[in-house]
Amino acid sequence: MEQKIRRDRYMGRNLRRLREMADISQEKLCVQLQNRGCDIGRSTYAKYESGELNIRASVLIQLKDIYRCSYDEFFKDL
């Protein structure tokens, strides 16, 4: 039986917090991600922040570089 990963709203809150600290819109962030090879649209990214969709590891790797933070920042308070 396949087990689904439960979506975590804290991860979404951390994604939003980091984006707001960087003072960047979802649209501009998605452009940066696309330039780095991540095919992410704004509506998909909004679902990451709202906890509706699990974020891919490849996107986290790029966000870590964009925000210049540690991976711990994504998992804070989980």
PDB file of N, CA and C in Angstrom:
ATOM      1  N   MET A   1       0.838  -1.186   0.000  1.00  0.00           N
ATOM      2  CA  MET A   1       0.000   0.000   0.000  1.00  0.00           C
ATOM      3  C   MET A   1       0.881   1.246   0.000  1.00  0.00           C
ATOM      4  N   GLU A   2       0.590   2.149  -0.899  1.00  0.00           N
ATOM      5  CA  GLU A   2       1.374   3.373  -1.021  1.00  0.00           C
ATOM      6  C   GLU A   2       0.990   4.357   0.074  1.00  0.00           C
ATOM      7  N   GLN A   3       1.991   4.920   0.715  1.00  0.00           N
ATOM      8  CA  GLN A   3       1.732   5.893   1.763  1.00  0.00           C
ATOM      9  C   GLN A   3       2.024   7.288   1.225  1.00  0.00           C
ATOM     10  N   LYS A   4       1.093   8.195   1.409  1.00  0.00           N
ATOM     11  CA  LYS A   4       1.282   9.560   0.933  1.00  0.00           C
ATOM     12  C   LYS A   4       1.947  10.401   2.021  1.00  0.00           C
ATOM     13  N   ILE A   5       2.808  11.295   1.586  1.00  0.00           N
ATOM     14  CA  ILE A   5       3.461  12.204   2.519  1.00  0.00           C
ATOM     15  C   ILE A   5       2.446  13.266   2.915  1.00  0.00           C
ATOM     16  N   ARG A   6       2.326  13.465   4.206  1.00  0.00           N
ATOM     17  CA  ARG A   6       1.397  14.460   4.707  1.00  0.00           C
ATOM     18  C   ARG A   6       1.973  15.858   4.467  1.00  0.00           C
ATOM     19  N   ARG A   7       1.141  16.746   3.986  1.00  0.00           N
ATOM     20  CA  ARG A   7       1.599  18.115   3.734  1.00  0.00           C
ATOM     21  C   ARG A   7       1.811  18.827   5.064  1.00  0.00           C
ATOM     22  N   ASP A   8       2.816  19.670   5.115  1.00  0.00           N
ATOM     23  CA  ASP A   8       3.162  20.339   6.354  1.00  0.00           C
ATOM     24  C   ASP A   8       3.043  21.841   6.190  1.00  0.00           C
ATOM     25  N   ARG A   9       2.126  22.428   6.912  1.00  0.00           N
ATOM     26  CA  ARG A   9       1.874  23.864   6.796  1.00  0.00           C
ATOM     27  C   ARG A   9       3.026  24.701   7.344  1.00  0.00           C
ATOM     28  N   TYR A  10       3.787  24.154   8.289  1.00  0.00           N
ATOM     29  CA  TYR A  10       4.914  24.918   8.809  1.00  0.00           C
ATOM     30  C   TYR A  10       5.957  25.174   7.734  1.00  0.00           C
ATOM     31  N   MET A  11       6.165  24.193   6.886  1.00  0.00           N
ATOM     32  CA  MET A  11       7.115  24.376   5.788  1.00  0.00           C
ATOM     33  C   MET A  11       6.658  25.562   4.935  1.00  0.00           C
ATOM     34  N   GLY A  12       5.374  25.625   4.641  1.00  0.00           N
ATOM     35  CA  GLY A  12       4.837  26.738   3.863  1.00  0.00           C
ATOM     36  C   GLY A  12       5.053  28.077   4.553  1.00  0.00           C
ATOM     37  N   ARG A  13       4.850  28.092   5.863  1.00  0.00           N
ATOM     38  CA  ARG A  13       5.075  29.340   6.619  1.00  0.00           C
ATOM     39  C   ARG A  13       6.536  29.751   6.546  1.00  0.00           C
ATOM     40  N   ASN A  14       7.422  28.773   6.638  1.00  0.00           N
ATOM     41  CA  ASN A  14       8.849  29.087   6.546  1.00  0.00           C
ATOM     42  C   ASN A  14       9.224  29.583   5.158  1.00  0.00           C
ATOM     43  N   LEU A  15       8.640  28.988   4.128  1.00  0.00           N
ATOM     44  CA  LEU A  15       8.906  29.452   2.764  1.00  0.00           C
ATOM     45  C   LEU A  15       8.453  30.900   2.594  1.00  0.00           C
ATOM     46  N   ARG A  16       7.275  31.206   3.104  1.00  0.00           N
ATOM     47  CA  ARG A  16       6.764  32.580   3.006  1.00  0.00           C
ATOM     48  C   ARG A  16       7.634  33.541   3.812  1.00  0.00           C
ATOM     49  N   ARG A  17       8.013  33.140   5.025  1.00  0.00           N
ATOM     50  CA  ARG A  17       8.844  33.998   5.876  1.00  0.00           C
ATOM     51  C   ARG A  17      10.163  34.332   5.182  1.00  0.00           C
ATOM     52  N   LEU A  18      10.809  33.326   4.619  1.00  0.00           N
ATOM     53  CA  LEU A  18      12.088  33.562   3.942  1.00  0.00           C
ATOM     54  C   LEU A  18      11.918  34.465   2.726  1.00  0.00           C
ATOM     55  N   ARG A  19      10.845  34.252   1.971  1.00  0.00           N
ATOM     56  CA  ARG A  19      10.604  35.078   0.787  1.00  0.00           C
ATOM     57  C   ARG A  19      10.344  36.527   1.189  1.00  0.00           C
ATOM     58  N   GLU A  20       9.549  36.720   2.240  1.00  0.00           N
ATOM     59  CA  GLU A  20       9.260  38.085   2.683  1.00  0.00           C
ATOM     60  C   GLU A  20      10.496  38.754   3.268  1.00  0.00           C
ATOM     61  N   MET A  21      11.335  37.983   3.955  1.00  0.00           N
ATOM     62  CA  MET A  21      12.581  38.550   4.483  1.00  0.00           C
ATOM     63  C   MET A  21      13.500  38.989   3.343  1.00  0.00           C
ATOM     64  N   ALA A  22      13.439  38.282   2.227  1.00  0.00           N
ATOM     65  CA  ALA A  22      14.238  38.638   1.048  1.00  0.00           C
ATOM     66  C   ALA A  22      13.589  39.759   0.258  1.00  0.00           C
ATOM     67  N   ASP A  23      12.374  40.143   0.656  1.00  0.00           N
ATOM     68  CA  ASP A  23      11.625  41.232   0.013  1.00  0.00           C
ATOM     69  C   ASP A  23      11.470  40.979  -1.486  1.00  0.00           C
ATOM     70  N   ILE A  24      10.917  39.804  -1.802  1.00  0.00           N
ATOM     71  CA  ILE A  24      10.724  39.427  -3.198  1.00  0.00           C
ATOM     72  C   ILE A  24       9.315  38.858  -3.369  1.00  0.00           C
ATOM     73  N   SER A  25       8.704  39.162  -4.485  1.00  0.00           N
ATOM     74  CA  SER A  25       7.366  38.647  -4.761  1.00  0.00           C
ATOM     75  C   SER A  25       7.456  37.193  -5.225  1.00  0.00           C
ATOM     76  N   GLN A  26       6.340  36.487  -5.150  1.00  0.00           N
ATOM     77  CA  GLN A  26       6.312  35.118  -5.651  1.00  0.00           C
ATOM     78  C   GLN A  26       6.664  35.091  -7.134  1.00  0.00           C
ATOM     79  N   GLU A  27       6.151  36.061  -7.869  1.00  0.00           N
ATOM     80  CA  GLU A  27       6.404  36.124  -9.314  1.00  0.00           C
ATOM     81  C   GLU A  27       7.904  36.248  -9.611  1.00  0.00           C
ATOM     82  N   LYS A  28       8.573  37.170  -8.932  1.00  0.00           N
ATOM     83  CA  LYS A  28      10.004  37.377  -9.174  1.00  0.00           C
ATOM     84  C   LYS A  28      10.830  36.186  -8.705  1.00  0.00           C
ATOM     85  N   LEU A  29      10.395  35.570  -7.602  1.00  0.00           N
ATOM     86  CA  LEU A  29      11.093  34.390  -7.126  1.00  0.00           C
ATOM     87  C   LEU A  29      10.997  33.260  -8.151  1.00  0.00           C
ATOM     88  N   CYS A  30       9.831  33.090  -8.725  1.00  0.00           N
ATOM     89  CA  CYS A  30       9.644  32.036  -9.731  1.00  0.00           C
ATOM     90  C   CYS A  30      10.496  32.286 -10.968  1.00  0.00           C
ATOM     91  N   VAL A  31      10.675  33.534 -11.342  1.00  0.00           N
ATOM     92  CA  VAL A  31      11.556  33.856 -12.468  1.00  0.00           C
ATOM     93  C   VAL A  31      12.988  33.426 -12.132  1.00  0.00           C
ATOM     94  N   GLN A  32      13.426  33.724 -10.908  1.00  0.00           N
ATOM     95  CA  GLN A  32      14.774  33.309 -10.502  1.00  0.00           C
ATOM     96  C   GLN A  32      14.903  31.788 -10.515  1.00  0.00           C
ATOM     97  N   LEU A  33      13.880  31.100 -10.021  1.00  0.00           N
ATOM     98  CA  LEU A  33      13.907  29.639 -10.018  1.00  0.00           C
ATOM     99  C   LEU A  33      13.932  29.089 -11.438  1.00  0.00           C
ATOM    100  N   GLN A  34      13.149  29.690 -12.328  1.00  0.00           N
ATOM    101  CA  GLN A  34      13.128  29.254 -13.724  1.00  0.00           C
ATOM    102  C   GLN A  34      14.486  29.459 -14.384  1.00  0.00           C
ATOM    103  N   ASN A  35      15.137  30.562 -14.065  1.00  0.00           N
ATOM    104  CA  ASN A  35      16.478  30.826 -14.604  1.00  0.00           C
ATOM    105  C   ASN A  35      17.497  29.806 -14.117  1.00  0.00           C
ATOM    106  N   ARG A  36      17.188  29.141 -13.004  1.00  0.00           N
ATOM    107  CA  ARG A  36      18.074  28.121 -12.432  1.00  0.00           C
ATOM    108  C   ARG A  36      17.638  26.713 -12.821  1.00  0.00           C
ATOM    109  N   GLY A  37      16.671  26.613 -13.729  1.00  0.00           N
ATOM    110  CA  GLY A  37      16.267  25.307 -14.232  1.00  0.00           C
ATOM    111  C   GLY A  37      15.071  24.667 -13.547  1.00  0.00           C
ATOM    112  N   CYS A  38      14.439  25.366 -12.613  1.00  0.00           N
ATOM    113  CA  CYS A  38      13.249  24.838 -11.949  1.00  0.00           C
ATOM    114  C   CYS A  38      12.020  25.391 -12.658  1.00  0.00           C
ATOM    115  N   ASP A  39      11.246  24.526 -13.248  1.00  0.00           N
ATOM    116  CA  ASP A  39      10.056  24.951 -13.981  1.00  0.00           C
ATOM    117  C   ASP A  39       8.883  25.113 -13.010  1.00  0.00           C
ATOM    118  N   ILE A  40       8.878  26.235 -12.299  1.00  0.00           N
ATOM    119  CA  ILE A  40       7.879  26.515 -11.270  1.00  0.00           C
ATOM    120  C   ILE A  40       7.123  27.780 -11.646  1.00  0.00           C
ATOM    121  N   GLY A  41       5.814  27.680 -11.678  1.00  0.00           N
ATOM    122  CA  GLY A  41       4.971  28.853 -11.901  1.00  0.00           C
ATOM    123  C   GLY A  41       4.531  29.438 -10.573  1.00  0.00           C
ATOM    124  N   ARG A  42       4.034  30.655 -10.608  1.00  0.00           N
ATOM    125  CA  ARG A  42       3.617  31.332  -9.386  1.00  0.00           C
ATOM    126  C   ARG A  42       2.505  30.568  -8.669  1.00  0.00           C
ATOM    127  N   SER A  43       1.558  30.032  -9.410  1.00  0.00           N
ATOM    128  CA  SER A  43       0.450  29.320  -8.755  1.00  0.00           C
ATOM    129  C   SER A  43       0.944  28.057  -8.048  1.00  0.00           C
ATOM    130  N   THR A  44       1.914  27.387  -8.620  1.00  0.00           N
ATOM    131  CA  THR A  44       2.496  26.213  -7.961  1.00  0.00           C
ATOM    132  C   THR A  44       3.240  26.636  -6.710  1.00  0.00           C
ATOM    133  N   TYR A  45       4.015  27.713  -6.815  1.00  0.00           N
ATOM    134  CA  TYR A  45       4.763  28.168  -5.642  1.00  0.00           C
ATOM    135  C   TYR A  45       3.813  28.615  -4.532  1.00  0.00           C
ATOM    136  N   ALA A  46       2.718  29.253  -4.895  1.00  0.00           N
ATOM    137  CA  ALA A  46       1.728  29.675  -3.902  1.00  0.00           C
ATOM    138  C   ALA A  46       1.183  28.452  -3.154  1.00  0.00           C
ATOM    139  N   LYS A  47       1.040  27.332  -3.842  1.00  0.00           N
ATOM    140  CA  LYS A  47       0.574  26.104  -3.200  1.00  0.00           C
ATOM    141  C   LYS A  47       1.619  25.551  -2.230  1.00  0.00           C
ATOM    142  N   TYR A  48       2.891  25.750  -2.523  1.00  0.00           N
ATOM    143  CA  TYR A  48       3.938  25.359  -1.568  1.00  0.00           C
ATOM    144  C   TYR A  48       3.780  26.162  -0.276  1.00  0.00           C
ATOM    145  N   GLU A  49       3.595  27.469  -0.420  1.00  0.00           N
ATOM    146  CA  GLU A  49       3.488  28.338   0.752  1.00  0.00           C
ATOM    147  C   GLU A  49       2.214  28.077   1.553  1.00  0.00           C
ATOM    148  N   SER A  50       1.143  27.696   0.874  1.00  0.00           N
ATOM    149  CA  SER A  50      -0.118  27.456   1.580  1.00  0.00           C
ATOM    150  C   SER A  50      -0.203  26.042   2.156  1.00  0.00           C
ATOM    151  N   GLY A  51       0.766  25.198   1.844  1.00  0.00           N
ATOM    152  CA  GLY A  51       0.762  23.838   2.345  1.00  0.00           C
ATOM    153  C   GLY A  51      -0.099  22.892   1.532  1.00  0.00           C
ATOM    154  N   GLU A  52      -0.568  23.328   0.379  1.00  0.00           N
ATOM    155  CA  GLU A  52      -1.405  22.482  -0.471  1.00  0.00           C
ATOM    156  C   GLU A  52      -0.583  21.486  -1.286  1.00  0.00           C
ATOM    157  N   LEU A  53       0.711  21.759  -1.451  1.00  0.00           N
ATOM    158  CA  LEU A  53       1.563  20.941  -2.299  1.00  0.00           C
ATOM    159  C   LEU A  53       2.926  20.801  -1.635  1.00  0.00           C
ATOM    160  N   ASN A  54       3.491  19.604  -1.677  1.00  0.00           N
ATOM    161  CA  ASN A  54       4.833  19.390  -1.137  1.00  0.00           C
ATOM    162  C   ASN A  54       5.879  19.924  -2.104  1.00  0.00           C
ATOM    163  N   ILE A  55       6.885  20.566  -1.562  1.00  0.00           N
ATOM    164  CA  ILE A  55       7.941  21.145  -2.382  1.00  0.00           C
ATOM    165  C   ILE A  55       8.976  20.079  -2.726  1.00  0.00           C
ATOM    166  N   ARG A  56       9.511  20.141  -3.923  1.00  0.00           N
ATOM    167  CA  ARG A  56      10.534  19.199  -4.365  1.00  0.00           C
ATOM    168  C   ARG A  56      11.891  19.580  -3.780  1.00  0.00           C
ATOM    169  N   ALA A  57      12.708  18.572  -3.545  1.00  0.00           N
ATOM    170  CA  ALA A  57      14.056  18.807  -3.012  1.00  0.00           C
ATOM    171  C   ALA A  57      14.874  19.685  -3.946  1.00  0.00           C
ATOM    172  N   SER A  58      14.716  19.515  -5.258  1.00  0.00           N
ATOM    173  CA  SER A  58      15.489  20.321  -6.216  1.00  0.00           C
ATOM    174  C   SER A  58      15.145  21.808  -6.080  1.00  0.00           C
ATOM    175  N   VAL A  59      13.913  22.118  -5.737  1.00  0.00           N
ATOM    176  CA  VAL A  59      13.514  23.516  -5.538  1.00  0.00           C
ATOM    177  C   VAL A  59      14.119  24.039  -4.238  1.00  0.00           C
ATOM    178  N   LEU A  60      14.109  23.224  -3.182  1.00  0.00           N
ATOM    179  CA  LEU A  60      14.723  23.644  -1.917  1.00  0.00           C
ATOM    180  C   LEU A  60      16.207  23.958  -2.087  1.00  0.00           C
ATOM    181  N   ILE A  61      16.884  23.158  -2.885  1.00  0.00           N
ATOM    182  CA  ILE A  61      18.316  23.388  -3.125  1.00  0.00           C
ATOM    183  C   ILE A  61      18.526  24.764  -3.752  1.00  0.00           C
ATOM    184  N   GLN A  62      17.709  25.104  -4.723  1.00  0.00           N
ATOM    185  CA  GLN A  62      17.837  26.410  -5.384  1.00  0.00           C
ATOM    186  C   GLN A  62      17.433  27.549  -4.446  1.00  0.00           C
ATOM    187  N   LEU A  63      16.376  27.336  -3.649  1.00  0.00           N
ATOM    188  CA  LEU A  63      15.958  28.377  -2.704  1.00  0.00           C
ATOM    189  C   LEU A  63      17.034  28.646  -1.660  1.00  0.00           C
ATOM    190  N   LYS A  64      17.717  27.587  -1.226  1.00  0.00           N
ATOM    191  CA  LYS A  64      18.810  27.757  -0.264  1.00  0.00           C
ATOM    192  C   LYS A  64      19.870  28.691  -0.837  1.00  0.00           C
ATOM    193  N   ASP A  65      20.186  28.525  -2.110  1.00  0.00           N
ATOM    194  CA  ASP A  65      21.180  29.393  -2.753  1.00  0.00           C
ATOM    195  C   ASP A  65      20.644  30.813  -2.927  1.00  0.00           C
ATOM    196  N   ILE A  66      19.393  30.940  -3.317  1.00  0.00           N
ATOM    197  CA  ILE A  66      18.805  32.268  -3.521  1.00  0.00           C
ATOM    198  C   ILE A  66      18.762  33.046  -2.214  1.00  0.00           C
ATOM    199  N   TYR A  67      18.302  32.396  -1.140  1.00  0.00           N
ATOM    200  CA  TYR A  67      18.157  33.067   0.158  1.00  0.00           C
ATOM    201  C   TYR A  67      19.450  33.110   0.960  1.00  0.00           C
ATOM    202  N   ARG A  68      20.439  32.315   0.520  1.00  0.00           N
ATOM    203  CA  ARG A  68      21.722  32.220   1.238  1.00  0.00           C
ATOM    204  C   ARG A  68      21.485  31.880   2.716  1.00  0.00           C
ATOM    205  N   CYS A  69      20.739  30.801   2.906  1.00  0.00           N
ATOM    206  CA  CYS A  69      20.412  30.361   4.256  1.00  0.00           C
ATOM    207  C   CYS A  69      20.771  28.893   4.403  1.00  0.00           C
ATOM    208  N   SER A  70      20.620  28.389   5.602  1.00  0.00           N
ATOM    209  CA  SER A  70      20.850  26.959   5.839  1.00  0.00           C
ATOM    210  C   SER A  70      19.544  26.203   5.613  1.00  0.00           C
ATOM    211  N   TYR A  71      19.644  24.908   5.439  1.00  0.00           N
ATOM    212  CA  TYR A  71      18.440  24.091   5.288  1.00  0.00           C
ATOM    213  C   TYR A  71      17.575  24.138   6.541  1.00  0.00           C
ATOM    214  N   ASP A  72      18.209  24.380   7.684  1.00  0.00           N
ATOM    215  CA  ASP A  72      17.467  24.467   8.950  1.00  0.00           C
ATOM    216  C   ASP A  72      16.357  25.506   8.883  1.00  0.00           C
ATOM    217  N   GLU A  73      16.568  26.576   8.140  1.00  0.00           N
ATOM    218  CA  GLU A  73      15.566  27.631   8.033  1.00  0.00           C
ATOM    219  C   GLU A  73      14.260  27.132   7.414  1.00  0.00           C
ATOM    220  N   PHE A  74      14.343  26.172   6.522  1.00  0.00           N
ATOM    221  CA  PHE A  74      13.140  25.627   5.884  1.00  0.00           C
ATOM    222  C   PHE A  74      12.344  24.747   6.857  1.00  0.00           C
ATOM    223  N   PHE A  75      13.041  24.141   7.826  1.00  0.00           N
ATOM    224  CA  PHE A  75      12.419  23.177   8.730  1.00  0.00           C
ATOM    225  C   PHE A  75      12.213  23.730  10.146  1.00  0.00           C
ATOM    226  N   LYS A  76      12.403  25.010  10.313  1.00  0.00           N
ATOM    227  CA  LYS A  76      12.255  25.654  11.624  1.00  0.00           C
ATOM    228  C   LYS A  76      10.847  25.400  12.165  1.00  0.00           C
ATOM    229  N   ASP A  77      10.782  24.990  13.438  1.00  0.00           N
ATOM    230  CA  ASP A  77       9.530  24.739  14.158  1.00  0.00           C
ATOM    231  C   ASP A  77       8.734  23.551  13.643  1.00  0.00           C
ATOM    232  N   LEU A  78       9.350  22.657  12.904  1.00  0.00           N
ATOM    233  CA  LEU A  78       8.629  21.466  12.438  1.00  0.00           C
ATOM    234  C   LEU A  78       8.679  20.387  13.507  1.00  0.00           C
TER     235      LEU A  78
END
